[in-house]
N, C-alpha and C. Protein backbone atom coordinates (compact mmCIF):
# COMPACT_ATOMS: atom_id res chain seq x y z
N UNK A 1 9.40 -22.63 -5.32
CA UNK A 1 10.22 -22.95 -6.47
C UNK A 1 11.04 -21.70 -6.85
N UNK A 2 12.34 -21.88 -6.92
CA UNK A 2 13.22 -20.75 -7.25
C UNK A 2 13.59 -20.76 -8.71
N UNK A 3 13.51 -19.58 -9.34
CA UNK A 3 13.84 -19.43 -10.74
C UNK A 3 15.22 -18.78 -10.88
N UNK A 4 16.03 -19.24 -11.80
CA UNK A 4 17.27 -18.59 -12.10
C UNK A 4 17.03 -17.30 -12.87
N UNK A 5 15.96 -17.28 -13.66
CA UNK A 5 15.65 -16.13 -14.47
C UNK A 5 14.17 -16.07 -14.70
N UNK A 6 13.64 -14.83 -14.70
CA UNK A 6 12.23 -14.62 -15.01
C UNK A 6 12.05 -14.27 -16.48
N UNK A 7 13.16 -14.05 -17.18
CA UNK A 7 13.12 -13.49 -18.55
C UNK A 7 12.36 -14.33 -19.58
N UNK A 8 12.26 -15.64 -19.35
CA UNK A 8 11.56 -16.47 -20.33
C UNK A 8 10.12 -16.74 -19.93
N UNK A 9 9.71 -16.26 -18.78
CA UNK A 9 8.33 -16.52 -18.34
C UNK A 9 7.34 -15.74 -19.21
N UNK A 10 6.14 -16.25 -19.40
CA UNK A 10 5.17 -15.62 -20.28
C UNK A 10 4.53 -14.33 -19.64
N UNK A 11 4.72 -14.11 -18.34
CA UNK A 11 4.09 -12.98 -17.69
C UNK A 11 4.93 -11.75 -17.86
N UNK A 12 4.34 -10.64 -18.36
CA UNK A 12 5.10 -9.41 -18.52
C UNK A 12 5.54 -8.81 -17.18
N UNK A 13 4.88 -9.07 -16.09
CA UNK A 13 5.33 -8.59 -14.77
C UNK A 13 6.65 -9.31 -14.43
N UNK A 14 6.66 -10.62 -14.64
CA UNK A 14 7.88 -11.39 -14.38
C UNK A 14 9.05 -10.94 -15.27
N UNK A 15 8.76 -10.74 -16.57
CA UNK A 15 9.84 -10.33 -17.46
C UNK A 15 10.36 -8.88 -17.06
N UNK A 16 9.50 -8.06 -16.60
CA UNK A 16 9.95 -6.74 -16.17
C UNK A 16 10.80 -6.86 -14.91
N UNK A 17 10.40 -7.69 -13.97
CA UNK A 17 11.14 -7.90 -12.75
C UNK A 17 12.56 -8.43 -13.03
N UNK A 18 12.67 -9.18 -14.14
CA UNK A 18 14.02 -9.69 -14.50
C UNK A 18 15.00 -8.55 -14.69
N UNK A 19 14.53 -7.41 -15.13
CA UNK A 19 15.38 -6.28 -15.43
C UNK A 19 15.43 -5.19 -14.36
N UNK A 20 14.29 -4.98 -13.70
CA UNK A 20 14.22 -3.86 -12.72
C UNK A 20 13.75 -4.26 -11.37
N UNK A 21 13.56 -5.51 -11.12
CA UNK A 21 12.94 -5.96 -9.87
C UNK A 21 13.79 -5.99 -8.64
N UNK A 22 15.07 -5.87 -8.80
CA UNK A 22 15.99 -5.89 -7.64
C UNK A 22 15.93 -4.48 -7.02
N UNK A 23 15.83 -4.41 -5.71
CA UNK A 23 15.53 -3.09 -5.08
C UNK A 23 16.56 -2.03 -5.34
N UNK A 24 17.85 -2.39 -5.48
CA UNK A 24 18.87 -1.39 -5.81
C UNK A 24 18.59 -0.80 -7.23
N UNK A 25 18.12 -1.63 -8.11
CA UNK A 25 17.86 -1.16 -9.42
C UNK A 25 16.82 -0.05 -9.48
N UNK A 26 15.79 -0.25 -8.74
CA UNK A 26 14.69 0.80 -8.70
C UNK A 26 15.23 2.10 -8.08
N UNK A 27 16.03 1.98 -7.08
CA UNK A 27 16.58 3.18 -6.39
C UNK A 27 17.58 3.89 -7.32
N UNK A 28 18.37 3.13 -8.09
CA UNK A 28 19.28 3.70 -9.04
C UNK A 28 18.49 4.44 -10.11
N UNK A 29 17.46 3.80 -10.59
CA UNK A 29 16.59 4.49 -11.64
C UNK A 29 15.91 5.71 -11.10
N UNK A 30 15.49 5.65 -9.82
CA UNK A 30 14.92 6.82 -9.20
C UNK A 30 15.93 7.98 -9.19
N UNK A 31 17.12 7.70 -8.78
CA UNK A 31 18.19 8.71 -8.74
C UNK A 31 18.51 9.20 -10.13
N UNK A 32 18.60 8.30 -11.09
CA UNK A 32 18.91 8.70 -12.48
C UNK A 32 17.84 9.67 -12.99
N UNK A 33 16.60 9.38 -12.72
CA UNK A 33 15.50 10.25 -13.15
C UNK A 33 15.56 11.58 -12.46
N UNK A 34 16.26 11.70 -11.33
CA UNK A 34 16.42 12.95 -10.63
C UNK A 34 17.75 13.62 -10.94
N UNK A 35 18.45 13.15 -11.98
CA UNK A 35 19.63 13.84 -12.46
C UNK A 35 20.97 13.28 -12.06
N UNK A 36 20.99 12.20 -11.26
CA UNK A 36 22.27 11.59 -10.95
C UNK A 36 22.81 10.89 -12.19
N UNK A 37 24.09 10.96 -12.48
CA UNK A 37 24.65 10.40 -13.70
C UNK A 37 25.92 9.57 -13.43
N UNK A 38 26.67 9.96 -12.41
CA UNK A 38 28.00 9.37 -12.23
C UNK A 38 28.01 8.35 -11.08
N UNK A 39 28.92 7.40 -11.22
CA UNK A 39 29.03 6.30 -10.30
C UNK A 39 29.12 6.81 -8.85
N UNK A 40 30.00 7.80 -8.61
CA UNK A 40 30.19 8.33 -7.24
C UNK A 40 28.93 9.01 -6.71
N UNK A 41 28.10 9.61 -7.59
CA UNK A 41 26.87 10.22 -7.16
C UNK A 41 25.86 9.14 -6.66
N UNK A 42 25.76 8.07 -7.47
CA UNK A 42 24.87 6.96 -7.05
C UNK A 42 25.36 6.32 -5.72
N UNK A 43 26.69 6.12 -5.67
CA UNK A 43 27.27 5.46 -4.49
C UNK A 43 27.00 6.29 -3.25
N UNK A 44 27.22 7.56 -3.35
CA UNK A 44 27.01 8.46 -2.21
C UNK A 44 25.52 8.59 -1.81
N UNK A 45 24.68 8.73 -2.81
CA UNK A 45 23.25 8.87 -2.55
C UNK A 45 22.67 7.67 -1.89
N UNK A 46 23.06 6.48 -2.36
CA UNK A 46 22.45 5.26 -1.92
C UNK A 46 23.15 4.54 -0.77
N UNK A 47 24.45 4.88 -0.57
CA UNK A 47 25.19 4.13 0.44
C UNK A 47 25.41 2.69 0.00
N UNK A 48 25.54 2.45 -1.23
CA UNK A 48 25.62 1.11 -1.84
C UNK A 48 27.10 0.73 -2.00
N UNK A 49 27.39 -0.59 -1.83
CA UNK A 49 28.77 -1.08 -2.02
C UNK A 49 29.15 -0.92 -3.52
N UNK A 50 30.36 -0.52 -3.82
CA UNK A 50 30.73 -0.32 -5.21
C UNK A 50 30.54 -1.52 -6.12
N UNK A 51 30.83 -2.72 -5.64
CA UNK A 51 30.66 -3.92 -6.46
C UNK A 51 29.20 -4.15 -6.81
N UNK A 52 28.31 -3.95 -5.87
CA UNK A 52 26.89 -4.10 -6.14
C UNK A 52 26.43 -3.05 -7.12
N UNK A 53 26.87 -1.83 -6.93
CA UNK A 53 26.49 -0.74 -7.82
C UNK A 53 26.95 -1.02 -9.20
N UNK A 54 28.17 -1.46 -9.39
CA UNK A 54 28.70 -1.75 -10.72
C UNK A 54 27.89 -2.81 -11.41
N UNK A 55 27.52 -3.90 -10.68
CA UNK A 55 26.71 -4.96 -11.28
C UNK A 55 25.31 -4.46 -11.68
N UNK A 56 24.74 -3.65 -10.80
CA UNK A 56 23.37 -3.15 -11.09
C UNK A 56 23.41 -2.20 -12.27
N UNK A 57 24.36 -1.31 -12.33
CA UNK A 57 24.47 -0.39 -13.47
C UNK A 57 24.66 -1.18 -14.80
N UNK A 58 25.48 -2.21 -14.75
CA UNK A 58 25.74 -3.04 -15.96
C UNK A 58 24.39 -3.71 -16.40
N UNK A 59 23.65 -4.19 -15.46
CA UNK A 59 22.37 -4.84 -15.73
C UNK A 59 21.41 -3.83 -16.34
N UNK A 60 21.36 -2.66 -15.78
CA UNK A 60 20.40 -1.62 -16.25
C UNK A 60 20.80 -1.12 -17.65
N UNK A 61 22.05 -1.07 -17.94
CA UNK A 61 22.52 -0.70 -19.28
C UNK A 61 22.12 -1.79 -20.26
N UNK A 62 22.37 -3.06 -19.87
CA UNK A 62 22.03 -4.18 -20.78
C UNK A 62 20.54 -4.26 -21.01
N UNK A 63 19.71 -3.81 -20.04
CA UNK A 63 18.25 -3.84 -20.19
C UNK A 63 17.72 -2.63 -20.97
N UNK A 64 18.61 -1.71 -21.28
CA UNK A 64 18.22 -0.50 -22.06
C UNK A 64 17.55 0.55 -21.18
N UNK A 65 17.73 0.45 -19.90
CA UNK A 65 17.15 1.45 -19.00
C UNK A 65 18.05 2.67 -18.86
N UNK A 66 19.37 2.44 -18.94
CA UNK A 66 20.37 3.52 -18.87
C UNK A 66 21.32 3.34 -20.01
N UNK A 67 21.93 4.45 -20.45
CA UNK A 67 22.96 4.42 -21.48
C UNK A 67 24.28 4.84 -20.80
N UNK A 68 25.31 4.05 -21.05
CA UNK A 68 26.64 4.30 -20.48
C UNK A 68 27.42 5.12 -21.51
N UNK A 69 27.96 6.29 -21.02
CA UNK A 69 28.70 7.16 -21.93
C UNK A 69 29.99 7.61 -21.21
N UNK A 70 31.12 7.47 -21.89
CA UNK A 70 32.41 7.92 -21.37
C UNK A 70 32.47 9.42 -21.38
N UNK A 71 32.90 10.03 -20.25
CA UNK A 71 33.08 11.47 -20.20
C UNK A 71 34.49 11.89 -19.99
N UNK A 72 35.41 10.98 -19.70
CA UNK A 72 36.84 11.30 -19.64
C UNK A 72 37.65 10.06 -19.98
N UNK A 73 38.76 10.26 -20.68
CA UNK A 73 39.55 9.14 -21.14
C UNK A 73 40.59 8.70 -20.10
N UNK A 74 41.27 9.60 -19.49
CA UNK A 74 42.34 9.22 -18.54
C UNK A 74 42.08 9.89 -17.19
N UNK A 75 41.69 9.14 -16.18
CA UNK A 75 41.33 7.69 -16.29
C UNK A 75 39.94 7.57 -16.95
N UNK A 76 39.62 6.41 -17.51
CA UNK A 76 38.32 6.29 -18.11
C UNK A 76 37.19 6.43 -17.07
N UNK A 77 36.32 7.32 -17.34
CA UNK A 77 35.13 7.52 -16.42
C UNK A 77 33.90 7.59 -17.26
N UNK A 78 32.82 7.04 -16.69
CA UNK A 78 31.53 6.95 -17.41
C UNK A 78 30.43 7.61 -16.63
N UNK A 79 29.44 8.06 -17.38
CA UNK A 79 28.22 8.52 -16.77
C UNK A 79 27.06 7.67 -17.32
N UNK A 80 26.01 7.64 -16.62
CA UNK A 80 24.83 6.81 -16.95
C UNK A 80 23.61 7.71 -17.19
N UNK A 81 23.13 7.64 -18.41
CA UNK A 81 22.05 8.57 -18.85
C UNK A 81 20.74 7.81 -18.95
N UNK A 82 19.72 8.49 -18.62
CA UNK A 82 18.35 7.96 -18.71
C UNK A 82 17.95 7.79 -20.19
N UNK A 83 17.32 6.63 -20.47
CA UNK A 83 16.82 6.35 -21.81
C UNK A 83 15.31 6.57 -21.83
N UNK A 84 14.71 6.50 -23.01
CA UNK A 84 13.24 6.59 -23.11
C UNK A 84 12.56 5.49 -22.31
N UNK A 85 13.18 4.28 -22.31
CA UNK A 85 12.61 3.16 -21.57
C UNK A 85 12.60 3.49 -20.07
N UNK A 86 13.64 4.13 -19.60
CA UNK A 86 13.68 4.50 -18.18
C UNK A 86 12.64 5.59 -17.86
N UNK A 87 12.48 6.54 -18.77
CA UNK A 87 11.48 7.59 -18.58
C UNK A 87 10.05 6.99 -18.51
N UNK A 88 9.82 5.92 -19.27
CA UNK A 88 8.54 5.23 -19.27
C UNK A 88 8.34 4.51 -17.96
N UNK A 89 9.44 4.08 -17.31
CA UNK A 89 9.38 3.40 -16.04
C UNK A 89 9.02 4.37 -14.88
N UNK A 90 9.19 5.66 -15.09
CA UNK A 90 8.95 6.61 -14.05
C UNK A 90 7.51 6.50 -13.49
N UNK A 91 6.59 6.15 -14.33
CA UNK A 91 5.17 5.98 -13.85
C UNK A 91 5.08 4.86 -12.82
N UNK A 92 5.93 3.85 -12.98
CA UNK A 92 5.92 2.78 -11.97
C UNK A 92 6.45 3.32 -10.63
N UNK A 93 7.49 4.13 -10.70
CA UNK A 93 8.03 4.73 -9.46
C UNK A 93 7.00 5.68 -8.85
N UNK A 94 6.26 6.41 -9.66
CA UNK A 94 5.23 7.30 -9.13
C UNK A 94 4.19 6.45 -8.35
N UNK A 95 3.80 5.32 -8.91
CA UNK A 95 2.84 4.45 -8.29
C UNK A 95 3.36 3.90 -6.96
N UNK A 96 4.66 3.47 -6.99
CA UNK A 96 5.26 2.98 -5.71
C UNK A 96 5.33 4.05 -4.65
N UNK A 97 5.67 5.30 -5.08
CA UNK A 97 5.70 6.37 -4.12
C UNK A 97 4.31 6.61 -3.48
N UNK A 98 3.29 6.65 -4.28
CA UNK A 98 1.93 6.86 -3.78
C UNK A 98 1.52 5.70 -2.89
N UNK A 99 1.81 4.48 -3.30
CA UNK A 99 1.46 3.29 -2.50
C UNK A 99 2.19 3.37 -1.15
N UNK A 100 3.48 3.62 -1.18
CA UNK A 100 4.25 3.75 0.04
C UNK A 100 3.75 4.83 0.98
N UNK A 101 3.44 5.95 0.44
CA UNK A 101 2.87 7.07 1.27
C UNK A 101 1.53 6.65 1.88
N UNK A 102 0.72 6.02 1.10
CA UNK A 102 -0.64 5.63 1.54
C UNK A 102 -0.57 4.53 2.61
N UNK A 103 0.27 3.53 2.43
CA UNK A 103 0.21 2.35 3.25
C UNK A 103 1.39 2.16 4.27
N UNK A 104 2.49 2.81 4.05
CA UNK A 104 3.62 2.54 4.93
C UNK A 104 4.15 3.77 5.63
N UNK A 105 3.70 4.95 5.22
CA UNK A 105 4.10 6.17 5.94
C UNK A 105 3.08 7.30 5.78
N UNK A 106 1.83 6.98 6.08
CA UNK A 106 0.80 7.98 5.84
C UNK A 106 0.96 9.27 6.62
N UNK A 107 1.53 9.23 7.82
CA UNK A 107 1.72 10.46 8.60
C UNK A 107 3.10 11.03 8.40
N UNK A 108 3.93 10.43 7.62
CA UNK A 108 5.34 10.85 7.49
C UNK A 108 5.77 10.94 6.03
N UNK A 109 4.97 11.56 5.25
CA UNK A 109 5.22 11.60 3.81
C UNK A 109 6.44 12.50 3.53
N UNK A 110 7.62 11.93 3.40
CA UNK A 110 8.83 12.67 3.16
C UNK A 110 8.99 13.14 1.73
N UNK A 111 8.34 12.43 0.79
CA UNK A 111 8.42 12.75 -0.64
C UNK A 111 6.99 12.71 -1.22
N UNK A 112 6.65 13.75 -1.94
CA UNK A 112 5.38 13.79 -2.66
C UNK A 112 5.64 14.24 -4.07
N UNK A 113 4.65 14.10 -4.92
CA UNK A 113 4.70 14.64 -6.31
C UNK A 113 3.87 15.88 -6.34
N UNK A 114 4.44 16.94 -6.91
CA UNK A 114 3.70 18.17 -6.98
C UNK A 114 3.73 18.73 -8.44
N UNK A 115 2.74 19.51 -8.74
CA UNK A 115 2.68 20.24 -10.02
C UNK A 115 3.71 21.31 -9.92
N UNK A 116 4.69 21.35 -10.81
CA UNK A 116 5.79 22.34 -10.74
C UNK A 116 5.33 23.78 -10.96
N UNK A 117 4.17 23.94 -11.59
CA UNK A 117 3.67 25.31 -11.82
C UNK A 117 2.80 25.83 -10.73
N UNK A 118 2.07 24.91 -10.09
CA UNK A 118 1.12 25.38 -9.01
C UNK A 118 1.59 25.02 -7.62
N UNK A 119 2.47 24.01 -7.51
CA UNK A 119 2.88 23.54 -6.22
C UNK A 119 1.90 22.65 -5.53
N UNK A 120 0.78 22.37 -6.22
CA UNK A 120 -0.27 21.51 -5.67
C UNK A 120 0.18 20.04 -5.75
N UNK A 121 -0.05 19.32 -4.61
CA UNK A 121 0.31 17.92 -4.59
C UNK A 121 -0.55 17.08 -5.51
N UNK A 122 0.10 16.23 -6.24
CA UNK A 122 -0.60 15.28 -7.16
C UNK A 122 -0.92 13.98 -6.49
N UNK A 123 -1.94 13.31 -6.92
CA UNK A 123 -2.25 11.97 -6.41
C UNK A 123 -2.25 11.04 -7.64
N UNK A 124 -1.17 10.28 -7.82
CA UNK A 124 -1.05 9.40 -8.97
C UNK A 124 -2.16 8.37 -9.04
N UNK A 125 -2.72 8.25 -10.21
CA UNK A 125 -3.78 7.23 -10.45
C UNK A 125 -3.52 6.63 -11.85
N UNK A 126 -3.51 5.36 -11.98
CA UNK A 126 -3.42 4.76 -13.31
C UNK A 126 -4.79 4.72 -13.95
N UNK A 127 -4.88 5.21 -15.19
CA UNK A 127 -6.16 5.26 -15.88
C UNK A 127 -6.04 4.54 -17.26
N UNK A 128 -7.16 4.13 -17.74
CA UNK A 128 -7.24 3.59 -19.11
C UNK A 128 -7.30 4.79 -20.04
N UNK A 129 -6.38 4.88 -20.97
CA UNK A 129 -6.35 6.06 -21.84
C UNK A 129 -7.54 6.13 -22.79
N UNK A 130 -8.19 5.02 -23.02
CA UNK A 130 -9.36 5.05 -23.97
C UNK A 130 -10.64 5.57 -23.25
N UNK A 131 -10.84 5.05 -22.01
CA UNK A 131 -12.11 5.44 -21.33
C UNK A 131 -11.91 6.55 -20.28
N UNK A 132 -10.68 6.71 -19.85
CA UNK A 132 -10.43 7.68 -18.79
C UNK A 132 -10.78 7.13 -17.40
N UNK A 133 -11.19 5.93 -17.31
CA UNK A 133 -11.55 5.29 -16.04
C UNK A 133 -10.28 4.82 -15.29
N UNK A 134 -10.25 4.90 -13.96
CA UNK A 134 -9.16 4.35 -13.23
C UNK A 134 -9.09 2.83 -13.37
N UNK A 135 -7.87 2.28 -13.44
CA UNK A 135 -7.70 0.84 -13.59
C UNK A 135 -8.11 0.12 -12.33
N UNK A 136 -8.29 0.80 -11.24
CA UNK A 136 -8.78 0.15 -10.00
C UNK A 136 -10.26 -0.12 -10.07
N UNK A 137 -10.97 0.38 -11.06
CA UNK A 137 -12.38 0.09 -11.28
C UNK A 137 -12.53 -1.44 -11.47
N UNK A 138 -13.49 -2.07 -10.77
CA UNK A 138 -13.62 -3.52 -10.87
C UNK A 138 -13.93 -4.05 -12.26
N UNK A 139 -14.36 -3.18 -13.16
CA UNK A 139 -14.62 -3.66 -14.55
C UNK A 139 -13.35 -4.08 -15.26
N UNK A 140 -12.20 -3.58 -14.77
CA UNK A 140 -10.94 -3.97 -15.44
C UNK A 140 -10.39 -5.24 -14.79
N UNK A 141 -9.92 -6.16 -15.60
CA UNK A 141 -9.33 -7.39 -15.11
C UNK A 141 -8.22 -7.78 -16.02
N UNK A 142 -7.36 -8.65 -15.45
CA UNK A 142 -6.24 -9.16 -16.33
C UNK A 142 -6.80 -10.24 -17.19
N UNK A 143 -6.31 -10.33 -18.41
CA UNK A 143 -6.78 -11.33 -19.36
C UNK A 143 -5.61 -11.79 -20.24
N UNK A 144 -5.79 -12.97 -20.80
CA UNK A 144 -4.75 -13.47 -21.68
C UNK A 144 -4.68 -12.56 -22.94
N UNK A 145 -3.48 -12.25 -23.36
CA UNK A 145 -3.26 -11.43 -24.55
C UNK A 145 -3.18 -12.23 -25.79
N UNK A 146 -3.01 -11.53 -26.94
CA UNK A 146 -3.01 -12.20 -28.23
C UNK A 146 -1.86 -13.26 -28.37
N UNK A 147 -0.78 -13.03 -27.69
CA UNK A 147 0.36 -13.97 -27.85
C UNK A 147 0.40 -15.02 -26.72
N UNK A 148 -0.63 -15.09 -25.93
CA UNK A 148 -0.68 -16.03 -24.74
C UNK A 148 -0.64 -17.49 -25.21
N UNK A 149 0.18 -18.23 -24.50
CA UNK A 149 0.19 -19.66 -24.76
C UNK A 149 -0.97 -20.35 -24.04
N UNK A 150 -1.12 -21.63 -24.21
CA UNK A 150 -2.27 -22.35 -23.61
C UNK A 150 -2.34 -22.23 -22.10
N UNK A 151 -1.16 -22.29 -21.43
CA UNK A 151 -1.14 -22.20 -19.99
C UNK A 151 -1.66 -20.84 -19.51
N UNK A 152 -1.20 -19.78 -20.11
CA UNK A 152 -1.67 -18.45 -19.76
C UNK A 152 -3.16 -18.28 -20.04
N UNK A 153 -3.60 -18.77 -21.17
CA UNK A 153 -5.04 -18.69 -21.52
C UNK A 153 -5.89 -19.45 -20.43
N UNK A 154 -5.40 -20.62 -20.00
CA UNK A 154 -6.12 -21.38 -18.99
C UNK A 154 -6.17 -20.61 -17.67
N UNK A 155 -5.03 -20.01 -17.30
CA UNK A 155 -4.96 -19.27 -15.98
C UNK A 155 -5.98 -18.16 -15.98
N UNK A 156 -6.01 -17.33 -17.05
CA UNK A 156 -6.92 -16.21 -17.06
C UNK A 156 -8.35 -16.57 -17.38
N UNK A 157 -8.59 -17.66 -18.06
CA UNK A 157 -9.93 -18.13 -18.30
C UNK A 157 -10.50 -18.56 -16.96
N UNK A 158 -9.72 -19.28 -16.13
CA UNK A 158 -10.13 -19.72 -14.81
C UNK A 158 -10.40 -18.52 -13.89
N UNK A 159 -9.55 -17.50 -13.96
CA UNK A 159 -9.72 -16.31 -13.07
C UNK A 159 -10.97 -15.53 -13.41
N UNK A 160 -11.37 -15.53 -14.69
CA UNK A 160 -12.54 -14.73 -15.07
C UNK A 160 -13.83 -15.54 -14.96
N UNK A 161 -13.74 -16.81 -14.68
CA UNK A 161 -14.94 -17.67 -14.58
C UNK A 161 -15.67 -17.50 -13.29
């Protein structure tokens, strides 16, 4: 079944994918978080067609992931700045980097995360901030949240049974 939009789905994963799930979007956000700001910088870094880049940037601005700011009037030129929402997304990119290194390029890790003060390589792990336990611990499971409709409640009640 093909969806025109994931935006109205009750799943927060689906709603997130509506805004950042297209692969160019994630790579644009990666580059933005590494200091790229201008259209030509993204275009050169990614080897992306200008029309696709323009559409992706527009979508990311509309989603609040980037802020579009004019830096010259004649001709009008814009730069794209990282927002707090985009900075929050960086943890998702860290997880994808670690997953990719572990499963798709274990002997060829071209990019790693390091502690800037010690140079020691980091190993990203998602943890529960309350208990400090990794979310990969089997005790953690997905569950219907307080705003869940009946369908979502049934789905997660069935999964936990």
